[in-house]
């Protein structure tokens, strides 16, 4: 928004409005005296809760004069902005910060910081509360307005979160090699089909954007827009989560089907496979690969992608594997009913995964696509894992915020029990 200097200058001359905020930067030595952090956080959150907006630091909001920021101070001011977005706003806010030169009243070029604030997928709280932008000022949201805003942003699931428009995206951000997997041969008008499949949707202003599902399945870097859309995988030595004893770690990114394959590969390379020699060689893996595949697929397909900043976590220990998936169980499911009932939070994502071939995991999955709608995943996890370890996997819901699955390692031949002398 207002990407050229000329366009931005026109807006500045007209003054603040529903999409423009101006702030003078006041320095005392190397310390930033203005704008105050809490004040800036309130303004940025108000934009994110209302509509796309631009905040320019280095312009006096009363006189509309370009006063600029000293070049030597730009780094400090930008760092302050990033800290405000990360630490003073909940959930943290992602903004685009651009350094620009604008002419002052004498025609001298002065540096300013321009912040593009997209309308957010989330409802943001700043130090002063919950705000919206009305004209040239912010207003605190009344309780009924706040409830309605949470509902509109998908927190109440009036519209499935996966089908919502992702701010600051465009249909062109979807990559043909990835979305053509779902469309078949290249069609004459792919955009029409992308709309029908809800990979491209219109936002509240009528602008076409990539949907959440489109970003997750048809871009090679979903976390560019959805910060938690990846898997954190760690193999620890021993049975305690301690960063000093990490044997392997990976940040697994990419479209969701690639994340599943890469997470399975991580588990494979960090899994011990023992063998007995009598009466013949028999390999004994720590975990059933088929159970691991189903567990990872379920975590990726059914997690709550609206939980800001949360990611799937895959932790491996000597005696167990733990898999954490953000969000509670969907649609009245309980831990007890998991093996008996089938339900999903993300209908569109699961339908897309049902079109993705399992490729190198086909022998492990024993099916051609990542998803099937028979509801066999949890029973396979329970049966295959207990067969190996003689201990049933354990599902837990933590603080109604995430689902944790523990799969126990099989006892390996010649393994020394914990605590015993070698």
Protein backbone atom coordinates (compact mmCIF):
# COMPACT_ATOMS: atom_id res chain seq x y z
CA UNK A 1 0.00 0.00 0.00
CA UNK A 2 1.39 3.42 -1.05
CA UNK A 3 4.49 1.65 -2.37
CA UNK A 4 5.96 4.61 -4.28
CA UNK A 5 7.33 7.74 -2.63
CA UNK A 6 5.02 9.95 -4.72
CA UNK A 7 1.93 7.99 -3.72
CA UNK A 8 2.91 8.06 -0.06
CA UNK A 9 3.58 11.81 -0.16
CA UNK A 10 0.09 12.45 -1.54
CA UNK A 11 -1.42 10.50 1.38
CA UNK A 12 0.77 12.30 3.91
CA UNK A 13 -0.31 15.72 2.61
CA UNK A 14 -3.95 14.70 3.08
CA UNK A 15 -3.29 13.57 6.65
CA UNK A 16 -4.19 10.59 8.78
CA UNK A 17 -7.28 8.54 7.99
CA UNK A 18 -8.54 4.99 8.26
CA UNK A 19 -5.43 3.57 6.55
CA UNK A 20 -2.64 6.01 7.50
CA UNK A 21 -0.94 6.76 10.83
CA UNK A 22 1.95 9.22 11.17
CA UNK A 23 4.45 9.36 14.04
CA UNK A 24 7.36 11.70 14.76
CA UNK A 25 10.47 9.97 16.15
CA UNK A 26 12.09 11.76 19.07
CA UNK A 27 15.58 10.71 20.17
CA UNK A 28 17.48 11.63 23.31
CA UNK A 29 21.01 10.50 22.61
CA UNK A 30 20.71 6.88 21.59
CA UNK A 31 17.39 6.43 23.43
CA UNK A 32 14.01 6.58 21.68
CA UNK A 33 11.66 8.88 23.59
CA UNK A 34 8.85 8.87 21.09
CA UNK A 35 6.70 7.26 20.02
CA UNK A 36 6.12 5.35 23.25
CA UNK A 37 6.14 1.59 22.77
CA UNK A 38 2.67 0.99 24.22
CA UNK A 39 1.18 3.79 22.10
CA UNK A 40 2.73 2.38 18.93
CA UNK A 41 1.54 -1.14 19.81
CA UNK A 42 -2.04 0.11 20.23
CA UNK A 43 -1.97 1.81 16.83
CA UNK A 44 -0.53 -1.19 14.98
CA UNK A 45 -2.92 -3.65 16.62
CA UNK A 46 -5.88 -1.40 15.74
CA UNK A 47 -4.92 -1.58 12.06
CA UNK A 48 -4.51 -5.36 12.19
CA UNK A 49 -7.93 -5.73 13.83
CA UNK A 50 -9.64 -3.49 11.26
CA UNK A 51 -8.07 -3.27 7.80
CA UNK A 52 -4.80 -2.96 5.92
CA UNK A 53 -2.94 0.13 7.06
CA UNK A 54 0.33 2.04 6.88
CA UNK A 55 2.22 3.65 9.74
CA UNK A 56 5.06 6.03 8.86
CA UNK A 57 7.70 6.88 11.45
CA UNK A 58 9.51 10.13 10.76
CA UNK A 59 6.52 12.33 9.88
CA UNK A 60 4.88 14.81 12.29
CA UNK A 61 1.21 13.88 12.59
CA UNK A 62 0.09 17.45 13.31
CA UNK A 63 2.02 19.43 10.70
CA UNK A 64 2.38 16.51 8.22
CA UNK A 65 6.00 17.58 7.86
CA UNK A 66 8.60 15.00 6.87
CA UNK A 67 11.13 15.37 9.68
CA UNK A 68 12.84 12.03 9.05
CA UNK A 69 15.03 9.80 11.19
CA UNK A 70 18.78 10.12 11.42
CA UNK A 71 20.49 7.37 9.42
CA UNK A 72 22.48 6.39 12.51
CA UNK A 73 19.21 5.83 14.41
CA UNK A 74 17.38 3.74 11.81
CA UNK A 75 18.57 0.40 13.16
CA UNK A 76 17.51 1.25 16.71
CA UNK A 77 14.08 2.47 15.61
CA UNK A 78 13.50 -0.60 13.45
CA UNK A 79 14.58 -2.85 16.32
CA UNK A 80 12.10 -1.07 18.60
CA UNK A 81 9.30 -1.69 16.09
CA UNK A 82 10.14 -5.40 15.88
CA UNK A 83 10.22 -5.70 19.66
CA UNK A 84 6.85 -3.95 19.95
CA UNK A 85 5.29 -6.33 17.41
CA UNK A 86 6.78 -9.40 19.10
CA UNK A 87 6.51 -8.51 22.79
CA UNK A 88 3.76 -5.89 23.25
CA UNK A 89 1.06 -7.36 21.01
CA UNK A 90 -0.71 -10.69 21.56
CA UNK A 91 -0.62 -12.73 19.46
CA UNK A 92 2.55 -11.24 17.96
CA UNK A 93 2.00 -9.15 14.87
CA UNK A 94 3.81 -9.52 11.56
CA UNK A 95 4.44 -6.24 9.72
CA UNK A 96 6.54 -5.30 6.71
CA UNK A 97 9.12 -2.60 7.52
CA UNK A 98 10.50 -0.55 4.61
CA UNK A 99 13.14 2.19 4.70
CA UNK A 100 12.36 5.06 2.34
CA UNK A 101 13.66 8.53 1.52
CA UNK A 102 11.06 11.31 1.36
CA UNK A 103 11.65 15.03 0.63
CA UNK A 104 11.03 17.53 3.43
CA UNK A 105 9.68 21.05 2.93
CA UNK A 106 13.08 22.19 1.63
CA UNK A 107 13.33 19.33 -0.82
CA UNK A 108 15.98 17.54 1.24
CA UNK A 109 15.67 13.75 1.29
CA UNK A 110 15.04 12.39 4.76
CA UNK A 111 14.88 8.69 5.82
CA UNK A 112 11.61 7.37 7.21
CA UNK A 113 10.34 3.93 8.24
CA UNK A 114 7.16 2.75 6.55
CA UNK A 115 5.29 -0.14 8.15
CA UNK A 116 2.72 -2.06 6.13
CA UNK A 117 0.23 -3.64 8.54
CA UNK A 118 -2.04 -6.24 6.91
CA UNK A 119 -5.50 -6.96 8.22
CA UNK A 120 -4.81 -9.97 10.38
CA UNK A 121 -6.27 -13.45 10.53
CA UNK A 122 -6.26 -13.03 14.30
CA UNK A 123 -7.64 -10.63 16.90
CA UNK A 124 -4.77 -8.75 18.55
CA UNK A 125 -4.55 -7.35 22.06
CA UNK A 126 -2.15 -4.49 22.81
CA UNK A 127 -1.21 -2.89 26.15
CA UNK A 128 -4.28 -0.65 26.14
CA UNK A 129 -6.73 -3.46 25.31
CA UNK A 130 -8.45 -4.42 22.06
CA UNK A 131 -8.69 -1.58 19.51
CA UNK A 132 -10.11 -0.91 16.06
CA UNK A 133 -9.27 1.87 13.63
CA UNK A 134 -11.99 4.43 12.96
CA UNK A 135 -10.96 7.34 10.75
CA UNK A 136 -7.74 8.87 11.99
CA UNK A 137 -7.93 7.44 15.50
CA UNK A 138 -8.22 4.16 17.37
CA UNK A 139 -11.23 3.18 19.47
CA UNK A 140 -11.46 0.47 22.07
CA UNK A 141 -13.69 -2.40 21.00
CA UNK A 142 -16.84 -2.79 23.06
CA UNK A 143 -17.58 -6.30 24.37
CA UNK A 144 -20.19 -7.07 21.70
CA UNK A 145 -17.90 -5.73 18.96
CA UNK A 146 -15.01 -7.82 20.26
CA UNK A 147 -17.14 -10.97 20.35
CA UNK A 148 -18.26 -10.32 16.78
CA UNK A 149 -14.68 -9.72 15.65
CA UNK A 150 -13.51 -13.01 17.16
CA UNK A 151 -16.35 -14.70 15.35
CA UNK A 152 -15.54 -13.04 12.03
CA UNK A 153 -11.89 -14.00 12.28
CA UNK A 154 -12.83 -17.64 12.49
CA UNK A 155 -12.13 -18.21 16.17
CA UNK A 156 -15.74 -19.39 16.55
CA UNK A 157 -15.48 -21.38 13.29
CA UNK A 158 -18.37 -19.57 11.58
CA UNK A 159 -16.18 -19.86 8.50
CA UNK A 160 -13.66 -22.67 8.51
CA UNK A 161 -10.28 -21.19 9.27
CA UNK A 162 -8.65 -23.14 6.45
CA UNK A 163 -10.93 -21.37 3.93
CA UNK A 164 -10.18 -17.84 5.11
CA UNK A 165 -8.19 -15.37 3.05
CA UNK A 166 -4.57 -14.91 4.13
CA UNK A 167 -3.63 -11.21 4.28
CA UNK A 168 -0.79 -9.95 2.09
CA UNK A 169 -1.13 -12.85 -0.36
CA UNK A 170 -2.25 -12.98 -3.98
CA UNK A 171 -3.37 -15.84 -6.24
CA UNK A 172 0.06 -15.69 -7.93
CA UNK A 173 1.67 -16.81 -4.66
CA UNK A 174 0.25 -20.28 -5.27
CA UNK A 175 2.81 -22.32 -7.21
CA UNK A 176 1.64 -24.17 -10.36
CA UNK A 177 3.73 -27.33 -9.77
CA UNK A 178 2.00 -27.67 -6.39
CA UNK A 179 -1.60 -26.78 -7.16
CA UNK A 180 -1.65 -28.69 -10.46
CA UNK A 181 -1.50 -31.85 -8.33
CA UNK A 182 -5.13 -31.15 -7.50
CA UNK A 183 -6.28 -29.81 -10.88
CA UNK A 184 -4.78 -32.52 -13.10
CA UNK A 185 -3.42 -31.33 -16.42
CA UNK A 186 -2.85 -27.59 -16.71
CA UNK A 187 -6.33 -26.11 -17.38
CA UNK A 188 -6.99 -23.16 -19.66
CA UNK A 189 -8.28 -21.13 -16.70
CA UNK A 190 -6.62 -22.38 -13.50
CA UNK A 191 -7.83 -19.39 -11.46
CA UNK A 192 -11.46 -20.40 -11.87
CA UNK A 193 -10.70 -23.91 -10.61
CA UNK A 194 -8.62 -22.54 -7.73
CA UNK A 195 -11.64 -20.47 -6.72
CA UNK A 196 -13.93 -23.49 -6.89
CA UNK A 197 -11.54 -25.49 -4.75
CA UNK A 198 -11.34 -22.63 -2.21
CA UNK A 199 -7.59 -22.30 -2.66
CA UNK A 200 -8.28 -18.72 -3.77
CA UNK A 201 -10.95 -16.69 -1.92
CA UNK A 202 -12.00 -13.07 -1.61
CA UNK A 203 -11.31 -11.14 1.59
CA UNK A 204 -13.76 -8.70 3.22
CA UNK A 205 -12.75 -5.97 0.77
CA UNK A 206 -13.35 -8.26 -2.22
CA UNK A 207 -9.65 -8.67 -3.02
CA UNK A 208 -8.69 -12.18 -4.08
CA UNK A 209 -6.18 -13.88 -1.80
CA UNK A 210 -4.75 -17.32 -1.25
CA UNK A 211 -6.69 -19.21 1.39
CA UNK A 212 -5.09 -20.81 4.44
CA UNK A 213 -5.43 -24.21 2.77
CA UNK A 214 -3.94 -22.80 -0.43
CA UNK A 215 -0.90 -21.49 1.44
CA UNK A 216 -0.45 -24.78 3.32
CA UNK A 217 -0.78 -27.05 0.29
CA UNK A 218 0.32 -24.98 -2.71
CA UNK A 219 3.27 -22.88 -1.54
CA UNK A 220 6.78 -24.10 -0.81
CA UNK A 221 7.14 -21.87 2.27
CA UNK A 222 3.82 -21.69 4.18
CA UNK A 223 5.47 -20.21 7.27
CA UNK A 224 6.13 -17.01 5.31
CA UNK A 225 2.47 -16.19 6.02
CA UNK A 226 1.52 -18.68 8.77
CA UNK A 227 4.36 -18.57 11.26
CA UNK A 228 3.63 -21.89 12.96
CA UNK A 229 3.09 -23.98 9.84
CA UNK A 230 6.03 -26.32 10.33
CA UNK A 231 7.16 -29.30 12.41
CA UNK A 232 9.88 -29.00 15.03
CA UNK A 233 11.63 -32.37 15.37
CA UNK A 234 14.25 -33.24 17.98
CA UNK A 235 16.00 -36.48 18.97
CA UNK A 236 17.26 -36.43 22.56
CA UNK A 237 19.81 -38.78 24.06
CA UNK A 238 18.24 -40.40 27.11
CA UNK A 239 14.70 -40.02 28.37
CA UNK A 240 14.63 -36.34 29.43
CA UNK A 241 13.95 -33.26 27.31
CA UNK A 242 17.21 -31.35 27.65
CA UNK A 243 18.73 -29.20 24.91
CA UNK A 244 22.20 -30.17 26.12
CA UNK A 245 21.49 -33.73 24.97
CA UNK A 246 20.15 -33.12 21.47
CA UNK A 247 21.40 -35.75 19.05
CA UNK A 248 19.53 -34.40 16.02
CA UNK A 249 17.12 -31.56 15.27
CA UNK A 250 15.24 -30.30 12.23
CA UNK A 251 12.79 -27.57 11.31
CA UNK A 252 10.55 -29.36 8.81
CA UNK A 253 8.91 -26.99 6.34
CA UNK A 254 7.20 -27.00 2.94
CA UNK A 255 3.72 -28.00 1.78
CA UNK A 256 1.98 -30.32 4.22
CA UNK A 257 2.51 -33.55 2.29
CA UNK A 258 6.25 -32.85 2.13
CA UNK A 259 6.28 -32.14 5.86
CA UNK A 260 4.75 -35.57 6.50
CA UNK A 261 7.37 -37.34 4.39
CA UNK A 262 10.24 -35.37 5.92
CA UNK A 263 9.01 -35.98 9.47
CA UNK A 264 8.76 -39.69 8.76
CA UNK A 265 12.31 -39.62 7.35
CA UNK A 266 13.52 -37.84 10.50
CA UNK A 267 11.94 -40.53 12.70
CA UNK A 268 13.43 -43.28 10.55
CA UNK A 269 16.98 -42.00 10.73
CA UNK A 270 16.75 -41.52 14.49
CA UNK A 271 15.09 -44.84 15.23
CA UNK A 272 17.13 -47.79 16.43
CA UNK A 273 16.57 -51.05 14.56
CA UNK A 274 18.03 -54.00 16.41
CA UNK A 275 18.31 -57.56 15.15
CA UNK A 276 18.32 -61.01 16.66
CA UNK A 277 20.51 -63.78 15.18
CA UNK A 278 18.83 -66.84 16.59
CA UNK A 279 17.21 -68.81 15.08
CA UNK A 280 17.40 -66.42 12.11
CA UNK A 281 17.92 -62.71 11.67
CA UNK A 282 14.84 -60.78 12.77
CA UNK A 283 14.88 -56.98 12.76
CA UNK A 284 13.22 -55.27 15.71
CA UNK A 285 12.49 -51.54 15.17
CA UNK A 286 11.73 -49.19 18.01
CA UNK A 287 8.48 -48.10 16.40
CA UNK A 288 6.10 -49.27 13.73
CA UNK A 289 6.70 -47.07 10.68
CA UNK A 290 3.09 -47.51 9.69
CA UNK A 291 1.96 -46.23 13.08
CA UNK A 292 4.36 -43.28 12.83
CA UNK A 293 3.06 -42.41 9.37
CA UNK A 294 -0.55 -42.41 10.57
CA UNK A 295 0.34 -40.37 13.67
CA UNK A 296 2.16 -37.70 11.67
CA UNK A 297 -0.60 -37.53 9.05
CA UNK A 298 -3.21 -37.05 11.78
CA UNK A 299 -1.17 -34.36 13.51
CA UNK A 300 -0.70 -32.40 10.26
CA UNK A 301 -4.22 -32.87 8.92
CA UNK A 302 -6.19 -32.20 12.10
CA UNK A 303 -4.17 -29.58 13.98
CA UNK A 304 -5.68 -26.16 14.64
CA UNK A 305 -3.87 -23.78 12.29
CA UNK A 306 -5.57 -20.75 13.87
CA UNK A 307 -3.49 -21.13 17.04
CA UNK A 308 -0.92 -18.41 16.40
CA UNK A 309 2.74 -19.25 16.79
CA UNK A 310 2.18 -22.91 17.72
CA UNK A 311 3.76 -25.69 15.72
CA UNK A 312 3.69 -29.46 15.65
CA UNK A 313 6.48 -30.89 17.81
CA UNK A 314 8.02 -34.34 17.33
CA UNK A 315 10.31 -35.38 20.18
CA UNK A 316 12.16 -38.71 20.26
CA UNK A 317 13.77 -40.23 23.35
CA UNK A 318 15.41 -43.56 24.11
CA UNK A 319 12.17 -44.97 25.53
CA UNK A 320 9.40 -43.10 23.70
CA UNK A 321 8.26 -40.74 20.97
CA UNK A 322 6.07 -37.72 21.73
CA UNK A 323 3.99 -35.89 19.15
CA UNK A 324 2.25 -32.61 20.00
CA UNK A 325 -0.46 -31.16 17.75
CA UNK A 326 -1.87 -27.64 18.42
CA UNK A 327 -5.55 -27.37 19.30
CA UNK A 328 -7.99 -29.50 21.28
CA UNK A 329 -9.78 -32.49 19.81
CA UNK A 330 -12.39 -31.33 17.26
CA UNK A 331 -16.15 -31.69 17.21
CA UNK A 332 -16.86 -33.20 20.63
CA UNK A 333 -14.31 -35.99 20.24
CA UNK A 334 -12.78 -37.31 23.45
CA UNK A 335 -9.63 -39.32 24.10
CA UNK A 336 -11.83 -42.33 24.84
CA UNK A 337 -13.79 -42.01 21.60
CA UNK A 338 -10.79 -41.50 19.32
CA UNK A 339 -10.53 -45.17 18.23
CA UNK A 340 -14.29 -45.36 17.62
CA UNK A 341 -15.28 -42.10 15.95
CA UNK A 342 -14.12 -40.12 12.95
CA UNK A 343 -14.11 -36.34 12.83
CA UNK A 344 -11.99 -33.63 11.29
CA UNK A 345 -11.30 -29.96 11.89
CA UNK A 346 -9.96 -29.26 8.39
CA UNK A 347 -12.25 -30.71 5.72
CA UNK A 348 -10.54 -28.92 2.84
CA UNK A 349 -7.01 -29.88 3.90
CA UNK A 350 -7.96 -33.53 4.39
CA UNK A 351 -9.65 -33.61 0.98
CA UNK A 352 -6.47 -32.21 -0.62
CA UNK A 353 -4.27 -34.72 1.20
CA UNK A 354 -6.60 -37.42 -0.11
CA UNK A 355 -5.49 -36.36 -3.62
CA UNK A 356 -1.76 -36.39 -2.82
CA UNK A 357 0.06 -39.64 -3.65
CA UNK A 358 2.15 -41.05 -0.83
CA UNK A 359 5.09 -41.60 -3.20
CA UNK A 360 8.12 -42.95 -1.31
CA UNK A 361 5.94 -43.74 1.72
CA UNK A 362 3.52 -45.92 -0.22
CA UNK A 363 4.88 -49.22 1.13
CA UNK A 364 4.69 -47.92 4.69
CA UNK A 365 1.25 -46.31 4.32
CA UNK A 366 -0.17 -49.27 2.36
CA UNK A 367 -2.31 -46.89 0.36
CA UNK A 368 -1.89 -44.51 -2.57
CA UNK A 369 -2.92 -41.22 -0.91
CA UNK A 370 -2.08 -39.58 2.41
CA UNK A 371 -5.67 -39.54 3.65
CA UNK A 372 -8.51 -42.00 3.52
CA UNK A 373 -11.88 -41.36 5.03
CA UNK A 374 -12.35 -44.73 6.69
CA UNK A 375 -11.12 -43.53 10.07
CA UNK A 376 -8.50 -46.29 10.39
CA UNK A 377 -5.62 -44.05 11.50
CA UNK A 378 -5.99 -44.17 15.29
CA UNK A 379 -6.79 -47.92 15.44
CA UNK A 380 -3.65 -48.60 13.34
CA UNK A 381 -1.53 -46.44 15.66
CA UNK A 382 -2.82 -48.24 18.73
CA UNK A 383 -2.66 -51.76 17.34
CA UNK A 384 0.72 -51.55 15.57
CA UNK A 385 2.46 -49.77 18.44
CA UNK A 386 1.14 -52.04 21.20
CA UNK A 387 2.11 -55.10 19.16
CA UNK A 388 5.74 -53.94 19.17
CA UNK A 389 6.12 -52.48 22.66
CA UNK A 390 3.39 -54.34 24.60
CA UNK A 391 2.33 -50.89 25.85
CA UNK A 392 -0.62 -48.98 24.48
CA UNK A 393 0.08 -45.48 23.14
CA UNK A 394 -1.33 -42.69 25.27
CA UNK A 395 -3.37 -39.72 24.02
CA UNK A 396 -3.70 -36.68 26.26
CA UNK A 397 -5.30 -33.25 25.83
CA UNK A 398 -3.12 -30.60 27.51
CA UNK A 399 -4.94 -27.56 28.92
CA UNK A 400 -7.55 -27.89 26.17
CA UNK A 401 -4.85 -26.40 23.91
CA UNK A 402 -3.00 -29.28 22.25
CA UNK A 403 -3.13 -33.02 21.78
CA UNK A 404 -0.15 -35.10 22.91
CA UNK A 405 0.49 -38.64 21.69
CA UNK A 406 3.07 -40.84 23.41
CA UNK A 407 4.25 -43.98 21.59
CA UNK A 408 6.47 -46.28 23.64
CA UNK A 409 9.62 -47.79 22.23
CA UNK A 410 9.80 -51.53 21.76
CA UNK A 411 12.23 -53.22 24.17
CA UNK A 412 15.27 -53.91 22.05
CA UNK A 413 17.33 -57.09 22.23
CA UNK A 414 20.24 -56.85 24.70
CA UNK A 415 18.96 -53.47 25.87
CA UNK A 416 20.02 -52.65 29.42
CA UNK A 417 17.01 -51.62 31.50
CA UNK A 418 17.14 -48.04 32.75
CA UNK A 419 18.93 -47.83 36.06
CA UNK A 420 20.55 -51.24 35.77
CA UNK A 421 24.29 -51.81 35.75
CA UNK A 422 25.68 -52.37 32.23
